[in-house]
PDB file of N, CA and C in Angstrom:
ATOM      1  N   MET A   1       0.808  -1.297  -0.190  1.00  0.00           N
ATOM      2  CA  MET A   1      -0.012   0.155  -0.076  1.00  0.00           C
ATOM      3  C   MET A   1       0.948   1.104   0.033  1.00  0.00           C
ATOM      4  N   ALA A   2       0.444   2.072  -0.912  1.00  0.00           N
ATOM      5  CA  ALA A   2       1.507   3.485  -1.024  1.00  0.00           C
ATOM      6  C   ALA A   2       1.107   4.250  -0.058  1.00  0.00           C
ATOM      7  N   ALA A   3       2.233   5.033   0.438  1.00  0.00           N
ATOM      8  CA  ALA A   3       2.188   6.030   1.764  1.00  0.00           C
ATOM      9  C   ALA A   3       1.322   7.333   1.128  1.00  0.00           C
ATOM     10  N   MET A   4       0.283   8.050   2.092  1.00  0.00           N
ATOM     11  CA  MET A   4      -0.245   9.118   1.689  1.00  0.00           C
ATOM     12  C   MET A   4       0.716  10.123   1.831  1.00  0.00           C
ATOM     13  N   LYS A   5       0.457  11.059   0.851  1.00  0.00           N
ATOM     14  CA  LYS A   5       1.507  12.382   0.727  1.00  0.00           C
ATOM     15  C   LYS A   5       0.617  13.047   1.854  1.00  0.00           C
ATOM     16  N   THR A   6       1.447  14.055   2.410  1.00  0.00           N
ATOM     17  CA  THR A   6       1.059  14.974   3.493  1.00  0.00           C
ATOM     18  C   THR A   6       1.387  16.345   2.992  1.00  0.00           C
ATOM     19  N   ALA A   7       0.772  17.290   3.240  1.00  0.00           N
ATOM     20  CA  ALA A   7       1.248  18.630   2.872  1.00  0.00           C
ATOM     21  C   ALA A   7       2.316  19.178   3.531  1.00  0.00           C
ATOM     22  N   PRO A   8       3.100  19.894   3.115  1.00  0.00           N
ATOM     23  CA  PRO A   8       4.317  20.116   4.076  1.00  0.00           C
ATOM     24  C   PRO A   8       3.848  21.143   5.154  1.00  0.00           C
ATOM     25  N   LYS A   9       4.579  21.360   5.918  1.00  0.00           N
ATOM     26  CA  LYS A   9       4.406  22.313   7.184  1.00  0.00           C
ATOM     27  C   LYS A   9       5.126  23.365   7.068  1.00  0.00           C
ATOM     28  N   PHE A  10       4.329  24.681   7.263  1.00  0.00           N
ATOM     29  CA  PHE A  10       4.873  25.978   7.321  1.00  0.00           C
ATOM     30  C   PHE A  10       4.832  26.676   8.456  1.00  0.00           C
ATOM     31  N   ASN A  11       5.959  27.116   8.970  1.00  0.00           N
ATOM     32  CA  ASN A  11       5.667  28.049  10.011  1.00  0.00           C
ATOM     33  C   ASN A  11       6.301  29.304   9.961  1.00  0.00           C
ATOM     34  N   PHE A  12       5.504  30.079   9.714  1.00  0.00           N
ATOM     35  CA  PHE A  12       5.839  31.458   9.472  1.00  0.00           C
ATOM     36  C   PHE A  12       5.467  32.563  10.566  1.00  0.00           C
ATOM     37  N   PRO A  13       6.507  33.449  10.909  1.00  0.00           N
ATOM     38  CA  PRO A  13       6.469  34.295  12.082  1.00  0.00           C
ATOM     39  C   PRO A  13       5.145  35.111  11.954  1.00  0.00           C
ATOM     40  N   PRO A  14       4.796  35.364  13.116  1.00  0.00           N
ATOM     41  CA  PRO A  14       3.059  35.983  13.083  1.00  0.00           C
ATOM     42  C   PRO A  14       3.119  37.435  12.446  1.00  0.00           C
ATOM     43  N   GLU A  15       4.472  38.012  12.003  1.00  0.00           N
ATOM     44  CA  GLU A  15       4.375  39.395  11.521  1.00  0.00           C
ATOM     45  C   GLU A  15       4.404  39.369   9.951  1.00  0.00           C
ATOM     46  N   VAL A  16       4.635  37.926   9.483  1.00  0.00           N
ATOM     47  CA  VAL A  16       4.579  37.724   8.114  1.00  0.00           C
ATOM     48  C   VAL A  16       3.238  37.239   7.875  1.00  0.00           C
ATOM     49  N   PRO A  17       2.622  38.092   6.909  1.00  0.00           N
ATOM     50  CA  PRO A  17       0.944  37.827   6.385  1.00  0.00           C
ATOM     51  C   PRO A  17       0.875  36.682   5.443  1.00  0.00           C
ATOM     52  N   ILE A  18       1.213  35.573   6.002  1.00  0.00           N
ATOM     53  CA  ILE A  18       1.107  34.495   5.041  1.00  0.00           C
ATOM     54  C   ILE A  18       0.361  33.448   6.012  1.00  0.00           C
ATOM     55  N   TRP A  19      -0.936  32.678   5.130  1.00  0.00           N
ATOM     56  CA  TRP A  19      -1.539  31.618   5.955  1.00  0.00           C
ATOM     57  C   TRP A  19      -1.433  30.319   5.199  1.00  0.00           C
ATOM     58  N   VAL A  20      -1.771  29.353   5.400  1.00  0.00           N
ATOM     59  CA  VAL A  20      -1.824  27.977   4.952  1.00  0.00           C
ATOM     60  C   VAL A  20      -2.841  27.624   5.394  1.00  0.00           C
ATOM     61  N   ASP A  21      -4.155  26.995   4.234  1.00  0.00           N
ATOM     62  CA  ASP A  21      -5.002  25.874   4.707  1.00  0.00           C
ATOM     63  C   ASP A  21      -5.148  24.840   3.792  1.00  0.00           C
ATOM     64  N   PRO A  22      -4.923  23.832   4.274  1.00  0.00           N
ATOM     65  CA  PRO A  22      -5.030  22.599   3.399  1.00  0.00           C
ATOM     66  C   PRO A  22      -6.142  22.489   2.439  1.00  0.00           C
ATOM     67  N   GLU A  23      -7.259  23.008   3.123  1.00  0.00           N
ATOM     68  CA  GLU A  23      -8.471  22.742   2.119  1.00  0.00           C
ATOM     69  C   GLU A  23      -8.766  23.766   1.091  1.00  0.00           C
ATOM     70  N   ARG A  24      -7.774  24.913   0.965  1.00  0.00           N
ATOM     71  CA  ARG A  24      -7.917  25.914   0.143  1.00  0.00           C
ATOM     72  C   ARG A  24      -6.448  26.002  -0.621  1.00  0.00           C
ATOM     73  N   LEU A  25      -6.811  25.978  -2.093  1.00  0.00           N
ATOM     74  CA  LEU A  25      -5.709  25.928  -2.971  1.00  0.00           C
ATOM     75  C   LEU A  25      -4.595  25.011  -2.813  1.00  0.00           C
ATOM     76  N   SER A  26      -5.073  23.759  -2.467  1.00  0.00           N
ATOM     77  CA  SER A  26      -4.134  22.724  -2.085  1.00  0.00           C
ATOM     78  C   SER A  26      -3.154  22.928  -1.009  1.00  0.00           C
ATOM     79  N   GLY A  27      -3.582  23.724  -0.116  1.00  0.00           N
ATOM     80  CA  GLY A  27      -2.695  24.148   0.850  1.00  0.00           C
ATOM     81  C   GLY A  27      -1.719  25.194   0.469  1.00  0.00           C
ATOM     82  N   ALA A  28      -1.509  25.713  -0.494  1.00  0.00           N
ATOM     83  CA  ALA A  28      -0.395  26.810  -0.866  1.00  0.00           C
ATOM     84  C   ALA A  28      -0.565  28.098  -0.176  1.00  0.00           C
ATOM     85  N   PRO A  29       0.568  28.369   0.145  1.00  0.00           N
ATOM     86  CA  PRO A  29       0.832  29.575   0.956  1.00  0.00           C
ATOM     87  C   PRO A  29       0.116  30.782   0.450  1.00  0.00           C
ATOM     88  N   CYS A  30      -0.688  31.408   1.227  1.00  0.00           N
ATOM     89  CA  CYS A  30      -1.464  32.822   0.536  1.00  0.00           C
ATOM     90  C   CYS A  30      -1.250  33.891   1.402  1.00  0.00           C
ATOM     91  N   PHE A  31      -1.366  35.072   1.030  1.00  0.00           N
ATOM     92  CA  PHE A  31      -1.691  36.152   1.647  1.00  0.00           C
ATOM     93  C   PHE A  31      -2.978  36.208   2.598  1.00  0.00           C
ATOM     94  N   LYS A  32      -2.540  36.307   4.069  1.00  0.00           N
ATOM     95  CA  LYS A  32      -3.457  36.299   4.883  1.00  0.00           C
ATOM     96  C   LYS A  32      -4.754  36.899   4.348  1.00  0.00           C
ATOM     97  N   GLY A  33      -6.079  36.387   4.820  1.00  0.00           N
ATOM     98  CA  GLY A  33      -7.196  36.896   4.654  1.00  0.00           C
ATOM     99  C   GLY A  33      -7.394  36.897   3.134  1.00  0.00           C
ATOM    100  N   THR A  34      -6.732  36.166   2.137  1.00  0.00           N
ATOM    101  CA  THR A  34      -6.939  36.184   0.822  1.00  0.00           C
ATOM    102  C   THR A  34      -6.811  34.882   0.199  1.00  0.00           C
ATOM    103  N   ARG A  35      -7.361  34.604  -0.981  1.00  0.00           N
ATOM    104  CA  ARG A  35      -7.181  33.237  -1.671  1.00  0.00           C
ATOM    105  C   ARG A  35      -5.917  33.369  -2.781  1.00  0.00           C
ATOM    106  N   VAL A  36      -4.991  34.397  -2.635  1.00  0.00           N
ATOM    107  CA  VAL A  36      -3.941  34.896  -3.596  1.00  0.00           C
ATOM    108  C   VAL A  36      -2.757  33.985  -3.036  1.00  0.00           C
ATOM    109  N   PRO A  37      -2.328  33.151  -3.742  1.00  0.00           N
ATOM    110  CA  PRO A  37      -1.162  32.583  -3.366  1.00  0.00           C
ATOM    111  C   PRO A  37       0.261  33.430  -3.351  1.00  0.00           C
ATOM    112  N   VAL A  38       0.846  33.241  -2.508  1.00  0.00           N
ATOM    113  CA  VAL A  38       2.263  34.218  -2.638  1.00  0.00           C
ATOM    114  C   VAL A  38       3.198  34.125  -3.602  1.00  0.00           C
ATOM    115  N   ASP A  39       3.024  32.929  -4.177  1.00  0.00           N
ATOM    116  CA  ASP A  39       4.109  32.815  -5.399  1.00  0.00           C
ATOM    117  C   ASP A  39       3.704  33.607  -6.423  1.00  0.00           C
ATOM    118  N   SER A  40       2.521  33.800  -6.533  1.00  0.00           N
ATOM    119  CA  SER A  40       1.910  35.045  -7.520  1.00  0.00           C
ATOM    120  C   SER A  40       2.599  36.274  -7.699  1.00  0.00           C
ATOM    121  N   LEU A  41       3.312  36.432  -6.450  1.00  0.00           N
ATOM    122  CA  LEU A  41       3.634  38.078  -6.224  1.00  0.00           C
ATOM    123  C   LEU A  41       5.269  37.677  -6.799  1.00  0.00           C
ATOM    124  N   PHE A  42       6.080  36.674  -6.589  1.00  0.00           N
ATOM    125  CA  PHE A  42       7.383  36.317  -6.983  1.00  0.00           C
ATOM    126  C   PHE A  42       7.168  36.006  -8.634  1.00  0.00           C
ATOM    127  N   ASN A  43       6.144  35.312  -9.152  1.00  0.00           N
ATOM    128  CA  ASN A  43       6.200  34.954 -10.438  1.00  0.00           C
ATOM    129  C   ASN A  43       5.841  36.322 -11.243  1.00  0.00           C
ATOM    130  N   ASN A  44       4.976  37.080 -10.966  1.00  0.00           N
ATOM    131  CA  ASN A  44       4.683  38.239 -11.461  1.00  0.00           C
ATOM    132  C   ASN A  44       5.686  39.340 -11.803  1.00  0.00           C
ATOM    133  N   LEU A  45       6.486  39.484 -10.399  1.00  0.00           N
ATOM    134  CA  LEU A  45       7.632  40.238 -10.506  1.00  0.00           C
ATOM    135  C   LEU A  45       8.789  39.772 -11.327  1.00  0.00           C
ATOM    136  N   GLU A  46       9.017  38.237 -11.223  1.00  0.00           N
ATOM    137  CA  GLU A  46      10.034  37.907 -12.330  1.00  0.00           C
ATOM    138  C   GLU A  46       9.620  38.258 -13.652  1.00  0.00           C
ATOM    139  N   SER A  47       8.351  38.319 -14.041  1.00  0.00           N
ATOM    140  CA  SER A  47       7.741  38.328 -15.473  1.00  0.00           C
ATOM    141  C   SER A  47       7.956  39.608 -15.503  1.00  0.00           C
ATOM    142  N   GLY A  48       8.519  40.625 -14.800  1.00  0.00           N
ATOM    143  CA  GLY A  48       8.818  42.110 -15.232  1.00  0.00           C
ATOM    144  C   GLY A  48       7.525  42.913 -14.694  1.00  0.00           C
ATOM    145  N   LEU A  49       6.341  42.490 -13.989  1.00  0.00           N
ATOM    146  CA  LEU A  49       5.434  43.375 -13.750  1.00  0.00           C
ATOM    147  C   LEU A  49       6.146  44.199 -12.393  1.00  0.00           C
ATOM    148  N   SER A  50       5.638  45.406 -12.399  1.00  0.00           N
ATOM    149  CA  SER A  50       6.255  46.386 -10.969  1.00  0.00           C
ATOM    150  C   SER A  50       5.342  45.806  -9.901  1.00  0.00           C
ATOM    151  N   LEU A  51       5.706  46.402  -8.630  1.00  0.00           N
ATOM    152  CA  LEU A  51       4.726  45.995  -7.556  1.00  0.00           C
ATOM    153  C   LEU A  51       3.360  46.756  -7.536  1.00  0.00           C
ATOM    154  N   ASP A  52       3.414  48.060  -8.216  1.00  0.00           N
ATOM    155  CA  ASP A  52       2.141  48.685  -8.368  1.00  0.00           C
ATOM    156  C   ASP A  52       1.411  47.844  -9.310  1.00  0.00           C
ATOM    157  N   GLU A  53       2.075  47.478 -10.387  1.00  0.00           N
ATOM    158  CA  GLU A  53       0.940  46.610 -11.474  1.00  0.00           C
ATOM    159  C   GLU A  53       0.558  45.501 -10.785  1.00  0.00           C
ATOM    160  N   TYR A  54       1.227  44.788  -9.965  1.00  0.00           N
ATOM    161  CA  TYR A  54       0.927  43.477  -9.509  1.00  0.00           C
ATOM    162  C   TYR A  54      -0.404  43.850  -8.503  1.00  0.00           C
ATOM    163  N   LEU A  55      -0.098  44.961  -7.418  1.00  0.00           N
ATOM    164  CA  LEU A  55      -1.095  45.383  -6.713  1.00  0.00           C
ATOM    165  C   LEU A  55      -2.469  45.644  -7.295  1.00  0.00           C
ATOM    166  N   ASP A  56      -2.241  46.183  -8.444  1.00  0.00           N
ATOM    167  CA  ASP A  56      -3.424  46.654  -9.482  1.00  0.00           C
ATOM    168  C   ASP A  56      -4.345  45.457  -9.776  1.00  0.00           C
ATOM    169  N   CYS A  57      -3.405  44.332 -10.156  1.00  0.00           N
ATOM    170  CA  CYS A  57      -3.879  42.903 -10.572  1.00  0.00           C
ATOM    171  C   CYS A  57      -4.726  42.265  -9.432  1.00  0.00           C
ATOM    172  N   PHE A  58      -4.178  42.498  -8.232  1.00  0.00           N
ATOM    173  CA  PHE A  58      -4.491  41.542  -6.935  1.00  0.00           C
ATOM    174  C   PHE A  58      -4.912  42.430  -5.826  1.00  0.00           C
ATOM    175  N   PRO A  59      -6.086  43.325  -6.020  1.00  0.00           N
ATOM    176  CA  PRO A  59      -6.520  44.276  -4.986  1.00  0.00           C
ATOM    177  C   PRO A  59      -7.002  43.701  -3.549  1.00  0.00           C
ATOM    178  N   ASP A  60      -7.031  42.600  -3.768  1.00  0.00           N
ATOM    179  CA  ASP A  60      -7.111  41.802  -2.100  1.00  0.00           C
ATOM    180  C   ASP A  60      -5.956  41.998  -1.426  1.00  0.00           C
ATOM    181  N   VAL A  61      -4.472  42.038  -2.051  1.00  0.00           N
ATOM    182  CA  VAL A  61      -3.392  42.180  -1.250  1.00  0.00           C
ATOM    183  C   VAL A  61      -2.912  43.272  -1.256  1.00  0.00           C
ATOM    184  N   THR A  62      -3.093  43.864   0.170  1.00  0.00           N
ATOM    185  CA  THR A  62      -1.990  45.337   0.508  1.00  0.00           C
ATOM    186  C   THR A  62      -0.783  45.254   0.136  1.00  0.00           C
ATOM    187  N   ARG A  63      -0.369  46.820  -0.063  1.00  0.00           N
ATOM    188  CA  ARG A  63       1.176  47.110  -0.251  1.00  0.00           C
ATOM    189  C   ARG A  63       1.831  46.646   1.115  1.00  0.00           C
ATOM    190  N   GLU A  64       1.360  46.744   2.104  1.00  0.00           N
ATOM    191  CA  GLU A  64       2.225  46.453   3.433  1.00  0.00           C
ATOM    192  C   GLU A  64       2.160  44.872   3.402  1.00  0.00           C
ATOM    193  N   GLN A  65       1.483  44.049   3.145  1.00  0.00           N
ATOM    194  CA  GLN A  65       1.360  42.540   2.879  1.00  0.00           C
ATOM    195  C   GLN A  65       2.497  42.125   1.835  1.00  0.00           C
ATOM    196  N   ALA A  66       2.469  42.645   0.980  1.00  0.00           N
ATOM    197  CA  ALA A  66       3.464  42.290  -0.166  1.00  0.00           C
ATOM    198  C   ALA A  66       4.876  42.561   0.115  1.00  0.00           C
ATOM    199  N   VAL A  67       5.292  43.956   0.760  1.00  0.00           N
ATOM    200  CA  VAL A  67       6.396  44.267   1.323  1.00  0.00           C
ATOM    201  C   VAL A  67       6.853  43.411   2.196  1.00  0.00           C
ATOM    202  N   ALA A  68       5.800  43.236   3.416  1.00  0.00           N
ATOM    203  CA  ALA A  68       6.320  42.147   4.319  1.00  0.00           C
ATOM    204  C   ALA A  68       6.745  40.839   3.954  1.00  0.00           C
ATOM    205  N   VAL A  69       6.122  40.267   2.969  1.00  0.00           N
ATOM    206  CA  VAL A  69       6.800  39.145   2.201  1.00  0.00           C
ATOM    207  C   VAL A  69       7.929  38.934   1.635  1.00  0.00           C
ATOM    208  N   LEU A  70       7.780  40.089   0.772  1.00  0.00           N
ATOM    209  CA  LEU A  70       9.289  40.413   0.201  1.00  0.00           C
ATOM    210  C   LEU A  70      10.617  40.395   1.122  1.00  0.00           C
ATOM    211  N   GLU A  71      10.293  41.302   2.299  1.00  0.00           N
ATOM    212  CA  GLU A  71      11.217  41.395   3.362  1.00  0.00           C
ATOM    213  C   GLU A  71      11.603  40.071   3.895  1.00  0.00           C
ATOM    214  N   TYR A  72      10.546  39.177   4.222  1.00  0.00           N
ATOM    215  CA  TYR A  72      10.628  38.035   4.699  1.00  0.00           C
ATOM    216  C   TYR A  72      11.889  37.160   3.823  1.00  0.00           C
ATOM    217  N   ALA A  73      11.241  37.005   2.779  1.00  0.00           N
ATOM    218  CA  ALA A  73      11.994  36.225   1.815  1.00  0.00           C
ATOM    219  C   ALA A  73      13.385  36.778   1.760  1.00  0.00           C
ATOM    220  N   HIS A  74      13.618  37.927   1.701  1.00  0.00           N
ATOM    221  CA  HIS A  74      14.955  38.585   1.559  1.00  0.00           C
ATOM    222  C   HIS A  74      15.722  38.098   2.754  1.00  0.00           C
ATOM    223  N   LYS A  75      15.165  38.403   4.090  1.00  0.00           N
ATOM    224  CA  LYS A  75      15.796  37.790   5.266  1.00  0.00           C
ATOM    225  C   LYS A  75      16.304  36.509   5.152  1.00  0.00           C
ATOM    226  N   THR A  76      15.251  35.556   4.808  1.00  0.00           N
ATOM    227  CA  THR A  76      15.315  34.182   4.909  1.00  0.00           C
ATOM    228  C   THR A  76      16.524  33.732   3.812  1.00  0.00           C
ATOM    229  N   ALA A  77      16.538  34.414   2.675  1.00  0.00           N
ATOM    230  CA  ALA A  77      17.464  34.097   1.538  1.00  0.00           C
ATOM    231  C   ALA A  77      19.110  34.418   2.334  1.00  0.00           C
ATOM    232  N   LEU A  78      19.198  35.617   2.984  1.00  0.00           N
ATOM    233  CA  LEU A  78      20.384  36.048   3.163  1.00  0.00           C
ATOM    234  C   LEU A  78      20.994  35.072   4.480  1.00  0.00           C
ATOM    235  N   GLN A  79      19.977  34.454   5.299  1.00  0.00           N
ATOM    236  CA  GLN A  79      20.261  33.639   6.198  1.00  0.00           C
ATOM    237  C   GLN A  79      20.927  32.146   5.803  1.00  0.00           C
ATOM    238  N   ALA A  80      20.401  31.884   4.612  1.00  0.00           N
ATOM    239  CA  ALA A  80      20.634  30.630   3.965  1.00  0.00           C
ATOM    240  C   ALA A  80      22.368  30.865   3.409  1.00  0.00           C
ATOM    241  N   VAL A  81      22.649  32.011   3.416  1.00  0.00           N
ATOM    242  CA  VAL A  81      24.068  31.875   2.725  1.00  0.00           C
ATOM    243  C   VAL A  81      25.145  31.442   3.715  1.00  0.00           C
TER     244      VAL A  81
END
């Protein structure tokens, strides 16, 4: 019998506006209070959208949320070095 896949566990600090619900979007990390996946921010920025353009496309995400996630990603990446 094959082992069941379990969703990865995420432990974000309380100041980081990310939530994970295994019942929504297959457990993808989303901006708190939304169904907008956090990876949409990185994907759109990598594609050349500015932060303002991203926020226009995803009005449920606030500038403060986006900046907090970017700062957390930056800090986390620097700790990995």
